[in-house]
Amino acid sequence: MKKELATFVLLVVLCAIVAALNPRFISLANLQNTARLIGAFGIFSVGLGMVIITGGIDLSVGSAFALLGVLLAMMLTEWHIAWPVAVLLTIALGALLGAFHGLLITRLGLQPFIVTLCGLLLYRGLARFIADDETKGFGDAAGFQALQRLATGSVVHVPTPFVALVAVSTVMWVVLHRSVYGRHLFATGRNEIAARYSGINPRRVIVIAYVILGVLTGIAAIVFAFYTNSVSPSSHGNFFELYGIAAAVLGGCSLRGGEGSIIGILLGTTLLQVLQNLVNLLGIPSSLNFAVMGGVILVGVVGDQVWQRRSARAPAG
């Protein structure tokens, strides 16, 4: 809870500074756009946080966005599949990719870093091949305007991606903090061997975590595809996994596993988007975006290291 409180205080201070430097920060249009991005990035960041709690990682999220986005566009505009079916297929494929990662990690004993690094290359290559390296768009959304409105619209001036994030976060909060699976997830992340001797099935816990990430990646891929209104297989979703990892780390998830919370991940996502908004509003060159991202991850990892050392010394004191 102390980590989440520190992140919240930092977020409030940062918002106050940005608002003071540029009053446009608190304009309705900017707040809505920021909320839309928080919703879109937050959905899959929650899934990445679940995987990080197991002590794992997923570097393939951005490439999965490209593959799922390309397939969604083709299903709707070229194959003329009914949009509810296309949505279900997109989410199901995301879940399948997650299960594929989880099984390789748990059954073959491969490192999550290696498995998902291969996925990063594989899915990007498949997206480019399937799309013939061409950008896929949605045109005038004929036949699936309802889906477009769901992905890009608003509910009482609140962007639907943000509403979706609230719904997803509520469900995942119950799963992580109020269910048996959540307790097993934390136990597996802290010590997989001890969890196994306690009667927990770590393999199943880890596979489910990757499947959850896959499902949330599928949902977020639909939102982002319509947000950009076109999917370039070579660049769509580039480095999105870094945004998710940074949000989770900022929110208190330890890359060692066994620590994290849904509220923390949401605060981390919000803080990250406010930082991005600050870069845009203050006219800072966009080329520094990744420098900001790298700095954020570094600060989060250093903070986690310091926290771990203080926690280790506490009993002796």
C-alpha atoms as a PDB file:
ATOM      1  CA  MET A   1       0.000   0.000   0.000  1.00  0.00           C
ATOM      2  CA  LYS A   2       2.939   2.359   0.680  1.00  0.00           C
ATOM      3  CA  LYS A   3       4.105   1.985  -2.927  1.00  0.00           C
ATOM      4  CA  GLU A   4       0.641   2.833  -4.256  1.00  0.00           C
ATOM      5  CA  LEU A   5       0.402   5.845  -1.938  1.00  0.00           C
ATOM      6  CA  ALA A   6       3.776   7.123  -3.134  1.00  0.00           C
ATOM      7  CA  THR A   7       2.685   6.726  -6.770  1.00  0.00           C
ATOM      8  CA  PHE A   8      -0.593   8.532  -6.055  1.00  0.00           C
ATOM      9  CA  VAL A   9       1.188  11.459  -4.388  1.00  0.00           C
ATOM     10  CA  LEU A  10       3.609  11.676  -7.315  1.00  0.00           C
ATOM     11  CA  LEU A  11       0.676  11.632  -9.746  1.00  0.00           C
ATOM     12  CA  VAL A  12      -1.142  14.451  -7.931  1.00  0.00           C
ATOM     13  CA  VAL A  13       2.016  16.580  -7.812  1.00  0.00           C
ATOM     14  CA  LEU A  14       2.743  15.951 -11.481  1.00  0.00           C
ATOM     15  CA  CYS A  15      -0.834  16.845 -12.500  1.00  0.00           C
ATOM     16  CA  ALA A  16      -0.624  20.070 -10.500  1.00  0.00           C
ATOM     17  CA  ILE A  17       2.688  20.989 -12.144  1.00  0.00           C
ATOM     18  CA  VAL A  18       1.440  20.245 -15.668  1.00  0.00           C
ATOM     19  CA  ALA A  19      -1.793  22.186 -15.070  1.00  0.00           C
ATOM     20  CA  ALA A  20       0.186  25.157 -13.781  1.00  0.00           C
ATOM     21  CA  LEU A  21       2.572  25.105 -16.748  1.00  0.00           C
ATOM     22  CA  ASN A  22      -0.163  24.668 -19.321  1.00  0.00           C
ATOM     23  CA  PRO A  23      -3.845  25.227 -18.422  1.00  0.00           C
ATOM     24  CA  ARG A  24      -4.864  23.221 -21.510  1.00  0.00           C
ATOM     25  CA  PHE A  25      -4.097  20.126 -19.450  1.00  0.00           C
ATOM     26  CA  ILE A  26      -7.406  20.490 -17.592  1.00  0.00           C
ATOM     27  CA  SER A  27      -9.480  21.287 -20.680  1.00  0.00           C
ATOM     28  CA  LEU A  28     -12.326  18.854 -21.361  1.00  0.00           C
ATOM     29  CA  ALA A  29     -10.898  17.772 -24.728  1.00  0.00           C
ATOM     30  CA  ASN A  30      -7.464  16.998 -23.277  1.00  0.00           C
ATOM     31  CA  LEU A  31      -8.889  15.197 -20.261  1.00  0.00           C
ATOM     32  CA  GLN A  32     -11.097  13.067 -22.516  1.00  0.00           C
ATOM     33  CA  ASN A  33      -8.224  12.157 -24.804  1.00  0.00           C
ATOM     34  CA  THR A  34      -5.989  11.340 -21.837  1.00  0.00           C
ATOM     35  CA  ALA A  35      -8.737   9.205 -20.315  1.00  0.00           C
ATOM     36  CA  ARG A  36      -9.144   7.382 -23.635  1.00  0.00           C
ATOM     37  CA  LEU A  37      -5.436   6.547 -23.723  1.00  0.00           C
ATOM     38  CA  ILE A  38      -5.409   5.567 -20.060  1.00  0.00           C
ATOM     39  CA  GLY A  39      -8.254   3.176 -20.799  1.00  0.00           C
ATOM     40  CA  ALA A  40      -6.614   1.655 -23.877  1.00  0.00           C
ATOM     41  CA  PHE A  41      -3.186   1.225 -22.297  1.00  0.00           C
ATOM     42  CA  GLY A  42      -4.568   0.271 -18.900  1.00  0.00           C
ATOM     43  CA  ILE A  43      -6.529  -2.729 -20.182  1.00  0.00           C
ATOM     44  CA  PHE A  44      -3.486  -4.664 -21.326  1.00  0.00           C
ATOM     45  CA  SER A  45      -1.233  -3.229 -18.598  1.00  0.00           C
ATOM     46  CA  VAL A  46      -3.442  -4.974 -16.038  1.00  0.00           C
ATOM     47  CA  GLY A  47      -2.817  -8.243 -17.875  1.00  0.00           C
ATOM     48  CA  LEU A  48       0.930  -7.587 -18.017  1.00  0.00           C
ATOM     49  CA  GLY A  49       0.880  -6.863 -14.305  1.00  0.00           C
ATOM     50  CA  MET A  50      -0.661 -10.289 -13.645  1.00  0.00           C
ATOM     51  CA  VAL A  51       2.130 -11.952 -15.620  1.00  0.00           C
ATOM     52  CA  ILE A  52       4.818  -9.886 -13.870  1.00  0.00           C
ATOM     53  CA  ILE A  53       3.430 -10.959 -10.489  1.00  0.00           C
ATOM     54  CA  THR A  54       4.206 -14.574 -11.486  1.00  0.00           C
ATOM     55  CA  GLY A  55       7.802 -13.513 -12.083  1.00  0.00           C
ATOM     56  CA  GLY A  56       7.304 -13.608 -15.858  1.00  0.00           C
ATOM     57  CA  ILE A  57       7.336 -11.054 -18.655  1.00  0.00           C
ATOM     58  CA  ASP A  58       5.820 -10.615 -22.100  1.00  0.00           C
ATOM     59  CA  LEU A  59       7.715  -8.734 -24.801  1.00  0.00           C
ATOM     60  CA  SER A  60       5.367  -9.713 -27.618  1.00  0.00           C
ATOM     61  CA  VAL A  61       2.373  -7.523 -26.756  1.00  0.00           C
ATOM     62  CA  GLY A  62       3.122  -4.835 -29.355  1.00  0.00           C
ATOM     63  CA  SER A  63       3.557  -7.375 -32.144  1.00  0.00           C
ATOM     64  CA  ALA A  64       0.368  -9.136 -31.045  1.00  0.00           C
ATOM     65  CA  PHE A  65      -1.413  -5.788 -31.453  1.00  0.00           C
ATOM     66  CA  ALA A  66      -0.208  -5.631 -35.055  1.00  0.00           C
ATOM     67  CA  LEU A  67      -1.254  -9.210 -35.835  1.00  0.00           C
ATOM     68  CA  LEU A  68      -4.655  -8.956 -34.148  1.00  0.00           C
ATOM     69  CA  GLY A  69      -5.305  -5.502 -35.641  1.00  0.00           C
ATOM     70  CA  VAL A  70      -4.507  -6.663 -39.163  1.00  0.00           C
ATOM     71  CA  LEU A  71      -6.714  -9.732 -38.817  1.00  0.00           C
ATOM     72  CA  LEU A  72      -9.570  -7.678 -37.337  1.00  0.00           C
ATOM     73  CA  ALA A  73      -9.443  -5.202 -40.223  1.00  0.00           C
ATOM     74  CA  MET A  74      -9.366  -7.983 -42.799  1.00  0.00           C
ATOM     75  CA  MET A  75     -12.198  -9.892 -41.115  1.00  0.00           C
ATOM     76  CA  LEU A  76     -14.406  -6.810 -41.167  1.00  0.00           C
ATOM     77  CA  THR A  77     -13.559  -5.239 -44.533  1.00  0.00           C
ATOM     78  CA  GLU A  78     -12.347  -8.106 -46.732  1.00  0.00           C
ATOM     79  CA  TRP A  79     -13.845 -11.278 -45.369  1.00  0.00           C
ATOM     80  CA  HIS A  80     -17.077  -9.537 -44.276  1.00  0.00           C
ATOM     81  CA  ILE A  81     -17.426 -11.475 -41.051  1.00  0.00           C
ATOM     82  CA  ALA A  82     -20.134 -10.176 -38.697  1.00  0.00           C
ATOM     83  CA  TRP A  83     -18.502  -7.817 -36.217  1.00  0.00           C
ATOM     84  CA  PRO A  84     -19.553  -9.714 -33.033  1.00  0.00           C
ATOM     85  CA  VAL A  85     -17.926 -12.851 -34.460  1.00  0.00           C
ATOM     86  CA  ALA A  86     -14.827 -10.877 -35.506  1.00  0.00           C
ATOM     87  CA  VAL A  87     -14.515  -9.473 -31.988  1.00  0.00           C
ATOM     88  CA  LEU A  88     -14.817 -12.903 -30.409  1.00  0.00           C
ATOM     89  CA  LEU A  89     -12.276 -14.370 -32.835  1.00  0.00           C
ATOM     90  CA  THR A  90      -9.820 -11.554 -32.100  1.00  0.00           C
ATOM     91  CA  ILE A  91     -10.103 -12.036 -28.344  1.00  0.00           C
ATOM     92  CA  ALA A  92      -9.951 -15.836 -28.723  1.00  0.00           C
ATOM     93  CA  LEU A  93      -6.779 -15.568 -30.799  1.00  0.00           C
ATOM     94  CA  GLY A  94      -5.257 -13.330 -28.140  1.00  0.00           C
ATOM     95  CA  ALA A  95      -6.117 -15.952 -25.502  1.00  0.00           C
ATOM     96  CA  LEU A  96      -4.595 -18.656 -27.730  1.00  0.00           C
ATOM     97  CA  LEU A  97      -1.335 -16.717 -28.030  1.00  0.00           C
ATOM     98  CA  GLY A  98      -1.267 -16.318 -24.254  1.00  0.00           C
ATOM     99  CA  ALA A  99      -1.867 -20.031 -23.722  1.00  0.00           C
ATOM    100  CA  PHE A 100       0.890 -20.796 -26.238  1.00  0.00           C
ATOM    101  CA  HIS A 101       3.356 -18.692 -24.257  1.00  0.00           C
ATOM    102  CA  GLY A 102       2.262 -20.158 -20.935  1.00  0.00           C
ATOM    103  CA  LEU A 103       2.589 -23.751 -22.115  1.00  0.00           C
ATOM    104  CA  LEU A 104       6.040 -23.207 -23.600  1.00  0.00           C
ATOM    105  CA  ILE A 105       7.186 -21.645 -20.330  1.00  0.00           C
ATOM    106  CA  THR A 106       5.666 -24.228 -17.983  1.00  0.00           C
ATOM    107  CA  ARG A 107       5.875 -27.457 -20.005  1.00  0.00           C
ATOM    108  CA  LEU A 108       9.226 -26.982 -21.735  1.00  0.00           C
ATOM    109  CA  GLY A 109      10.829 -24.878 -19.037  1.00  0.00           C
ATOM    110  CA  LEU A 110      11.720 -22.047 -21.408  1.00  0.00           C
ATOM    111  CA  GLN A 111      12.448 -18.571 -20.074  1.00  0.00           C
ATOM    112  CA  PRO A 112       9.553 -16.091 -20.468  1.00  0.00           C
ATOM    113  CA  PHE A 113      11.981 -13.533 -21.913  1.00  0.00           C
ATOM    114  CA  ILE A 114      13.052 -15.894 -24.705  1.00  0.00           C
ATOM    115  CA  VAL A 115       9.550 -17.198 -25.463  1.00  0.00           C
ATOM    116  CA  THR A 116       8.001 -13.759 -25.762  1.00  0.00           C
ATOM    117  CA  LEU A 117      11.002 -12.295 -27.590  1.00  0.00           C
ATOM    118  CA  CYS A 118      10.442 -14.974 -30.229  1.00  0.00           C
ATOM    119  CA  GLY A 119       6.758 -14.019 -30.201  1.00  0.00           C
ATOM    120  CA  LEU A 120       7.682 -10.383 -30.762  1.00  0.00           C
ATOM    121  CA  LEU A 121       9.483 -11.326 -33.967  1.00  0.00           C
ATOM    122  CA  LEU A 122       7.069 -14.040 -35.068  1.00  0.00           C
ATOM    123  CA  TYR A 123       3.816 -12.085 -34.722  1.00  0.00           C
ATOM    124  CA  ARG A 124       5.228  -8.958 -36.365  1.00  0.00           C
ATOM    125  CA  GLY A 125       6.460 -11.050 -39.277  1.00  0.00           C
ATOM    126  CA  LEU A 126       3.108 -12.835 -39.607  1.00  0.00           C
ATOM    127  CA  ALA A 127       1.253  -9.514 -39.535  1.00  0.00           C
ATOM    128  CA  ARG A 128       3.402  -8.156 -42.356  1.00  0.00           C
ATOM    129  CA  PHE A 129       3.041 -11.351 -44.372  1.00  0.00           C
ATOM    130  CA  ILE A 130      -0.730 -11.635 -43.970  1.00  0.00           C
ATOM    131  CA  ALA A 131      -1.233  -7.963 -44.845  1.00  0.00           C
ATOM    132  CA  ASP A 132       1.306  -8.169 -47.682  1.00  0.00           C
ATOM    133  CA  ASP A 133       3.106  -5.389 -45.795  1.00  0.00           C
ATOM    134  CA  GLU A 134       0.245  -3.005 -46.553  1.00  0.00           C
ATOM    135  CA  THR A 135      -1.702  -0.804 -44.171  1.00  0.00           C
ATOM    136  CA  LYS A 136      -5.158  -2.140 -43.381  1.00  0.00           C
ATOM    137  CA  GLY A 137      -7.931   0.322 -42.592  1.00  0.00           C
ATOM    138  CA  PHE A 138     -11.621   0.323 -41.741  1.00  0.00           C
ATOM    139  CA  GLY A 139     -12.853   2.770 -44.382  1.00  0.00           C
ATOM    140  CA  ASP A 140     -16.263   4.169 -43.553  1.00  0.00           C
ATOM    141  CA  ALA A 141     -16.945   1.252 -41.179  1.00  0.00           C
ATOM    142  CA  ALA A 142     -19.898   0.132 -43.273  1.00  0.00           C
ATOM    143  CA  GLY A 143     -21.624  -2.735 -41.505  1.00  0.00           C
ATOM    144  CA  PHE A 144     -19.809  -2.336 -38.200  1.00  0.00           C
ATOM    145  CA  GLN A 145     -20.506   1.238 -37.129  1.00  0.00           C
ATOM    146  CA  ALA A 146     -21.793  -0.074 -33.796  1.00  0.00           C
ATOM    147  CA  LEU A 147     -18.402  -1.612 -33.057  1.00  0.00           C
ATOM    148  CA  GLN A 148     -16.655   1.598 -34.070  1.00  0.00           C
ATOM    149  CA  ARG A 149     -18.875   3.573 -31.680  1.00  0.00           C
ATOM    150  CA  LEU A 150     -18.154   1.097 -28.881  1.00  0.00           C
ATOM    151  CA  ALA A 151     -14.417   1.407 -29.409  1.00  0.00           C
ATOM    152  CA  THR A 152     -14.186   5.166 -29.928  1.00  0.00           C
ATOM    153  CA  GLY A 153     -17.352   6.645 -28.408  1.00  0.00           C
ATOM    154  CA  SER A 154     -18.207   8.053 -25.011  1.00  0.00           C
ATOM    155  CA  VAL A 155     -20.698   7.437 -22.225  1.00  0.00           C
ATOM    156  CA  VAL A 156     -21.787  10.734 -20.638  1.00  0.00           C
ATOM    157  CA  HIS A 157     -18.565  12.362 -21.930  1.00  0.00           C
ATOM    158  CA  VAL A 158     -16.468   9.501 -20.524  1.00  0.00           C
ATOM    159  CA  PRO A 159     -14.579   7.614 -23.293  1.00  0.00           C
ATOM    160  CA  THR A 160     -15.698   4.006 -23.657  1.00  0.00           C
ATOM    161  CA  PRO A 161     -12.118   2.633 -23.360  1.00  0.00           C
ATOM    162  CA  PHE A 162     -11.941   4.211 -19.911  1.00  0.00           C
ATOM    163  CA  VAL A 163     -15.318   2.692 -19.014  1.00  0.00           C
ATOM    164  CA  ALA A 164     -14.023  -0.679 -20.257  1.00  0.00           C
ATOM    165  CA  LEU A 165     -10.903  -0.253 -18.111  1.00  0.00           C
ATOM    166  CA  VAL A 166     -13.039   0.370 -15.018  1.00  0.00           C
ATOM    167  CA  ALA A 167     -15.033  -2.800 -15.738  1.00  0.00           C
ATOM    168  CA  VAL A 168     -11.920  -4.885 -16.444  1.00  0.00           C
ATOM    169  CA  SER A 169     -10.134  -3.535 -13.367  1.00  0.00           C
ATOM    170  CA  THR A 170     -13.093  -4.301 -11.117  1.00  0.00           C
ATOM    171  CA  VAL A 171     -13.184  -7.914 -12.281  1.00  0.00           C
ATOM    172  CA  MET A 172      -9.409  -8.311 -12.062  1.00  0.00           C
ATOM    173  CA  TRP A 173      -9.308  -6.709  -8.596  1.00  0.00           C
ATOM    174  CA  VAL A 174     -11.673  -9.418  -7.374  1.00  0.00           C
ATOM    175  CA  VAL A 175      -9.622 -12.101  -9.148  1.00  0.00           C
ATOM    176  CA  LEU A 176      -6.286 -10.876  -7.800  1.00  0.00           C
ATOM    177  CA  HIS A 177      -7.196  -9.720  -4.299  1.00  0.00           C
ATOM    178  CA  ARG A 178     -10.291 -11.686  -3.320  1.00  0.00           C
ATOM    179  CA  SER A 179     -10.002 -15.106  -4.942  1.00  0.00           C
ATOM    180  CA  VAL A 180      -8.123 -18.332  -4.312  1.00  0.00           C
ATOM    181  CA  TYR A 181      -6.442 -17.942  -7.695  1.00  0.00           C
ATOM    182  CA  GLY A 182      -5.097 -14.545  -6.656  1.00  0.00           C
ATOM    183  CA  ARG A 183      -3.516 -16.016  -3.523  1.00  0.00           C
ATOM    184  CA  HIS A 184      -1.999 -18.789  -5.607  1.00  0.00           C
ATOM    185  CA  LEU A 185      -0.677 -16.216  -8.081  1.00  0.00           C
ATOM    186  CA  PHE A 186       1.167 -14.269  -5.384  1.00  0.00           C
ATOM    187  CA  ALA A 187       2.476 -17.474  -3.808  1.00  0.00           C
ATOM    188  CA  THR A 188       3.791 -18.691  -7.163  1.00  0.00           C
ATOM    189  CA  GLY A 189       5.506 -15.386  -7.838  1.00  0.00           C
ATOM    190  CA  ARG A 190       7.181 -15.293  -4.432  1.00  0.00           C
ATOM    191  CA  ASN A 191       8.449 -18.868  -4.459  1.00  0.00           C
ATOM    192  CA  GLU A 192       7.316 -21.354  -7.077  1.00  0.00           C
ATOM    193  CA  ILE A 193       8.895 -24.344  -5.336  1.00  0.00           C
ATOM    194  CA  ALA A 194       7.311 -23.513  -1.994  1.00  0.00           C
ATOM    195  CA  ALA A 195       3.972 -22.975  -3.719  1.00  0.00           C
ATOM    196  CA  ARG A 196       4.216 -26.436  -5.287  1.00  0.00           C
ATOM    197  CA  TYR A 197       4.892 -28.041  -1.893  1.00  0.00           C
ATOM    198  CA  SER A 198       1.885 -26.160  -0.529  1.00  0.00           C
ATOM    199  CA  GLY A 199      -0.387 -27.982  -2.938  1.00  0.00           C
ATOM    200  CA  ILE A 200      -0.593 -25.224  -5.560  1.00  0.00           C
ATOM    201  CA  ASN A 201      -0.233 -26.062  -9.237  1.00  0.00           C
ATOM    202  CA  PRO A 202       2.179 -23.310 -10.401  1.00  0.00           C
ATOM    203  CA  ARG A 203       2.013 -24.430 -14.024  1.00  0.00           C
ATOM    204  CA  ARG A 204      -1.721 -23.877 -14.184  1.00  0.00           C
ATOM    205  CA  VAL A 205      -1.445 -20.564 -12.335  1.00  0.00           C
ATOM    206  CA  ILE A 206       1.151 -19.263 -14.798  1.00  0.00           C
ATOM    207  CA  VAL A 207      -0.708 -20.453 -17.911  1.00  0.00           C
ATOM    208  CA  ILE A 208      -3.916 -18.792 -16.705  1.00  0.00           C
ATOM    209  CA  ALA A 209      -2.019 -15.527 -16.124  1.00  0.00           C
ATOM    210  CA  TYR A 210      -0.756 -15.548 -19.715  1.00  0.00           C
ATOM    211  CA  VAL A 211      -4.237 -16.396 -21.015  1.00  0.00           C
ATOM    212  CA  ILE A 212      -5.678 -13.452 -19.070  1.00  0.00           C
ATOM    213  CA  LEU A 213      -3.038 -11.213 -20.633  1.00  0.00           C
ATOM    214  CA  GLY A 214      -3.936 -12.616 -24.055  1.00  0.00           C
ATOM    215  CA  VAL A 215      -7.636 -11.862 -23.573  1.00  0.00           C
ATOM    216  CA  LEU A 216      -6.953  -8.306 -22.395  1.00  0.00           C
ATOM    217  CA  THR A 217      -4.497  -7.805 -25.254  1.00  0.00           C
ATOM    218  CA  GLY A 218      -7.250  -8.852 -27.674  1.00  0.00           C
ATOM    219  CA  ILE A 219      -9.679  -6.340 -26.173  1.00  0.00           C
ATOM    220  CA  ALA A 220      -7.093  -3.548 -26.213  1.00  0.00           C
ATOM    221  CA  ALA A 221      -6.073  -4.444 -29.787  1.00  0.00           C
ATOM    222  CA  ILE A 222      -9.631  -3.768 -30.944  1.00  0.00           C
ATOM    223  CA  VAL A 223      -9.678  -0.408 -29.155  1.00  0.00           C
ATOM    224  CA  PHE A 224      -6.331   0.668 -30.601  1.00  0.00           C
ATOM    225  CA  ALA A 225      -7.181  -0.489 -34.117  1.00  0.00           C
ATOM    226  CA  PHE A 226     -10.197   1.817 -34.185  1.00  0.00           C
ATOM    227  CA  TYR A 227      -8.356   4.584 -32.324  1.00  0.00           C
ATOM    228  CA  THR A 228      -5.797   4.778 -35.132  1.00  0.00           C
ATOM    229  CA  ASN A 229      -8.432   3.739 -37.737  1.00  0.00           C
ATOM    230  CA  SER A 230      -5.705   1.897 -39.640  1.00  0.00           C
ATOM    231  CA  VAL A 231      -3.152  -0.773 -38.883  1.00  0.00           C
ATOM    232  CA  SER A 232       0.349  -0.645 -40.348  1.00  0.00           C
ATOM    233  CA  PRO A 233       1.779  -4.130 -39.722  1.00  0.00           C
ATOM    234  CA  SER A 234       5.358  -2.849 -39.554  1.00  0.00           C
ATOM    235  CA  SER A 235       4.780  -0.202 -36.880  1.00  0.00           C
ATOM    236  CA  HIS A 236       1.389  -0.654 -35.187  1.00  0.00           C
ATOM    237  CA  GLY A 237       1.861  -1.352 -31.492  1.00  0.00           C
ATOM    238  CA  ASN A 238       5.613  -0.783 -31.543  1.00  0.00           C
ATOM    239  CA  PHE A 239       7.017  -0.764 -27.984  1.00  0.00           C
ATOM    240  CA  PHE A 240       3.556  -1.017 -26.403  1.00  0.00           C
ATOM    241  CA  GLU A 241       4.903  -3.781 -24.178  1.00  0.00           C
ATOM    242  CA  LEU A 242       7.297  -1.215 -22.681  1.00  0.00           C
ATOM    243  CA  TYR A 243       4.385   1.049 -21.772  1.00  0.00           C
ATOM    244  CA  GLY A 244       2.659  -1.851 -20.029  1.00  0.00           C
ATOM    245  CA  ILE A 245       5.794  -2.985 -18.195  1.00  0.00           C
ATOM    246  CA  ALA A 246       6.591   0.580 -17.129  1.00  0.00           C
ATOM    247  CA  ALA A 247       3.031   1.097 -15.872  1.00  0.00           C
ATOM    248  CA  ALA A 248       3.138  -2.120 -13.851  1.00  0.00           C
ATOM    249  CA  VAL A 249       6.578  -1.364 -12.383  1.00  0.00           C
ATOM    250  CA  LEU A 250       5.579   2.211 -11.540  1.00  0.00           C
ATOM    251  CA  GLY A 251       2.464   0.826  -9.882  1.00  0.00           C
ATOM    252  CA  GLY A 252       4.430  -1.384  -7.515  1.00  0.00           C
ATOM    253  CA  CYS A 253       4.770  -4.674  -9.398  1.00  0.00           C
ATOM    254  CA  SER A 254       8.166  -6.200  -8.696  1.00  0.00           C
ATOM    255  CA  LEU A 255      10.005  -7.717 -11.659  1.00  0.00           C
ATOM    256  CA  ARG A 256      11.080 -10.443  -9.235  1.00  0.00           C
ATOM    257  CA  GLY A 257       7.445 -11.484  -8.925  1.00  0.00           C
ATOM    258  CA  GLY A 258       5.117 -11.876  -5.965  1.00  0.00           C
ATOM    259  CA  GLU A 259       4.151  -8.214  -5.594  1.00  0.00           C
ATOM    260  CA  GLY A 260       1.637  -5.903  -7.221  1.00  0.00           C
ATOM    261  CA  SER A 261      -1.917  -4.610  -7.147  1.00  0.00           C
ATOM    262  CA  ILE A 262      -4.583  -3.572  -9.617  1.00  0.00           C
ATOM    263  CA  ILE A 263      -4.861  -0.098  -8.101  1.00  0.00           C
ATOM    264  CA  GLY A 264      -1.099   0.315  -8.392  1.00  0.00           C
ATOM    265  CA  ILE A 265      -1.131  -0.673 -12.070  1.00  0.00           C
ATOM    266  CA  LEU A 266      -3.918   1.828 -12.765  1.00  0.00           C
ATOM    267  CA  LEU A 267      -1.962   4.576 -10.999  1.00  0.00           C
ATOM    268  CA  GLY A 268       1.156   3.631 -12.963  1.00  0.00           C
ATOM    269  CA  THR A 269      -0.750   3.744 -16.251  1.00  0.00           C
ATOM    270  CA  THR A 270      -2.231   7.132 -15.399  1.00  0.00           C
ATOM    271  CA  LEU A 271       1.138   8.532 -14.335  1.00  0.00           C
ATOM    272  CA  LEU A 272       2.718   7.341 -17.557  1.00  0.00           C
ATOM    273  CA  GLN A 273       0.033   8.947 -19.730  1.00  0.00           C
ATOM    274  CA  VAL A 274       0.263  12.207 -17.785  1.00  0.00           C
ATOM    275  CA  LEU A 275       4.006  12.179 -18.459  1.00  0.00           C
ATOM    276  CA  GLN A 276       3.327  11.635 -22.167  1.00  0.00           C
ATOM    277  CA  ASN A 277       0.785  14.443 -22.077  1.00  0.00           C
ATOM    278  CA  LEU A 278       3.361  16.697 -20.419  1.00  0.00           C
ATOM    279  CA  VAL A 279       5.799  15.974 -23.259  1.00  0.00           C
ATOM    280  CA  ASN A 280       3.171  16.973 -25.824  1.00  0.00           C
ATOM    281  CA  LEU A 281       1.801  20.052 -24.055  1.00  0.00           C
ATOM    282  CA  LEU A 282       5.202  21.520 -23.236  1.00  0.00           C
ATOM    283  CA  GLY A 283       6.445  21.072 -26.778  1.00  0.00           C
ATOM    284  CA  ILE A 284       9.206  18.659 -25.772  1.00  0.00           C
ATOM    285  CA  PRO A 285      10.492  16.820 -28.877  1.00  0.00           C
ATOM    286  CA  SER A 286       8.591  13.564 -29.377  1.00  0.00           C
ATOM    287  CA  SER A 287      11.932  11.883 -29.993  1.00  0.00           C
ATOM    288  CA  LEU A 288      12.430  12.043 -26.210  1.00  0.00           C
ATOM    289  CA  ASN A 289       9.363   9.861 -25.563  1.00  0.00           C
ATOM    290  CA  PHE A 290      11.420   6.704 -25.305  1.00  0.00           C
ATOM    291  CA  ALA A 291      14.004   8.464 -23.158  1.00  0.00           C
ATOM    292  CA  VAL A 292      11.175   9.308 -20.755  1.00  0.00           C
ATOM    293  CA  MET A 293      10.001   5.686 -20.900  1.00  0.00           C
ATOM    294  CA  GLY A 294      13.471   4.326 -20.182  1.00  0.00           C
ATOM    295  CA  GLY A 295      13.923   6.740 -17.321  1.00  0.00           C
ATOM    296  CA  VAL A 296      10.566   5.750 -15.841  1.00  0.00           C
ATOM    297  CA  ILE A 297      11.412   2.043 -15.942  1.00  0.00           C
ATOM    298  CA  LEU A 298      14.841   2.717 -14.426  1.00  0.00           C
ATOM    299  CA  VAL A 299      13.362   4.768 -11.589  1.00  0.00           C
ATOM    300  CA  GLY A 300      10.803   2.033 -10.934  1.00  0.00           C
ATOM    301  CA  VAL A 301      13.418  -0.733 -10.831  1.00  0.00           C
ATOM    302  CA  VAL A 302      15.758   1.301  -8.607  1.00  0.00           C
ATOM    303  CA  GLY A 303      12.866   2.110  -6.297  1.00  0.00           C
ATOM    304  CA  ASP A 304      11.947  -1.579  -6.100  1.00  0.00           C
ATOM    305  CA  GLN A 305      15.575  -2.470  -5.285  1.00  0.00           C
ATOM    306  CA  VAL A 306      15.704   0.100  -2.495  1.00  0.00           C
ATOM    307  CA  TRP A 307      12.356  -1.096  -1.165  1.00  0.00           C
ATOM    308  CA  GLN A 308      13.534  -4.713  -1.127  1.00  0.00           C
ATOM    309  CA  ARG A 309      16.716  -3.837   0.774  1.00  0.00           C
ATOM    310  CA  ARG A 310      14.824  -1.809   3.385  1.00  0.00           C
ATOM    311  CA  SER A 311      12.290  -4.630   3.817  1.00  0.00           C
ATOM    312  CA  ALA A 312      15.113  -7.143   4.256  1.00  0.00           C
ATOM    313  CA  ARG A 313      16.754  -5.007   6.971  1.00  0.00           C
ATOM    314  CA  ALA A 314      13.515  -4.220   8.819  1.00  0.00           C
ATOM    315  CA  PRO A 315      13.304  -7.428  10.976  1.00  0.00           C
ATOM    316  CA  ALA A 316      16.910  -7.034  12.134  1.00  0.00           C
ATOM    317  CA  GLY A 317      16.142  -3.511  13.340  1.00  0.00           C
END
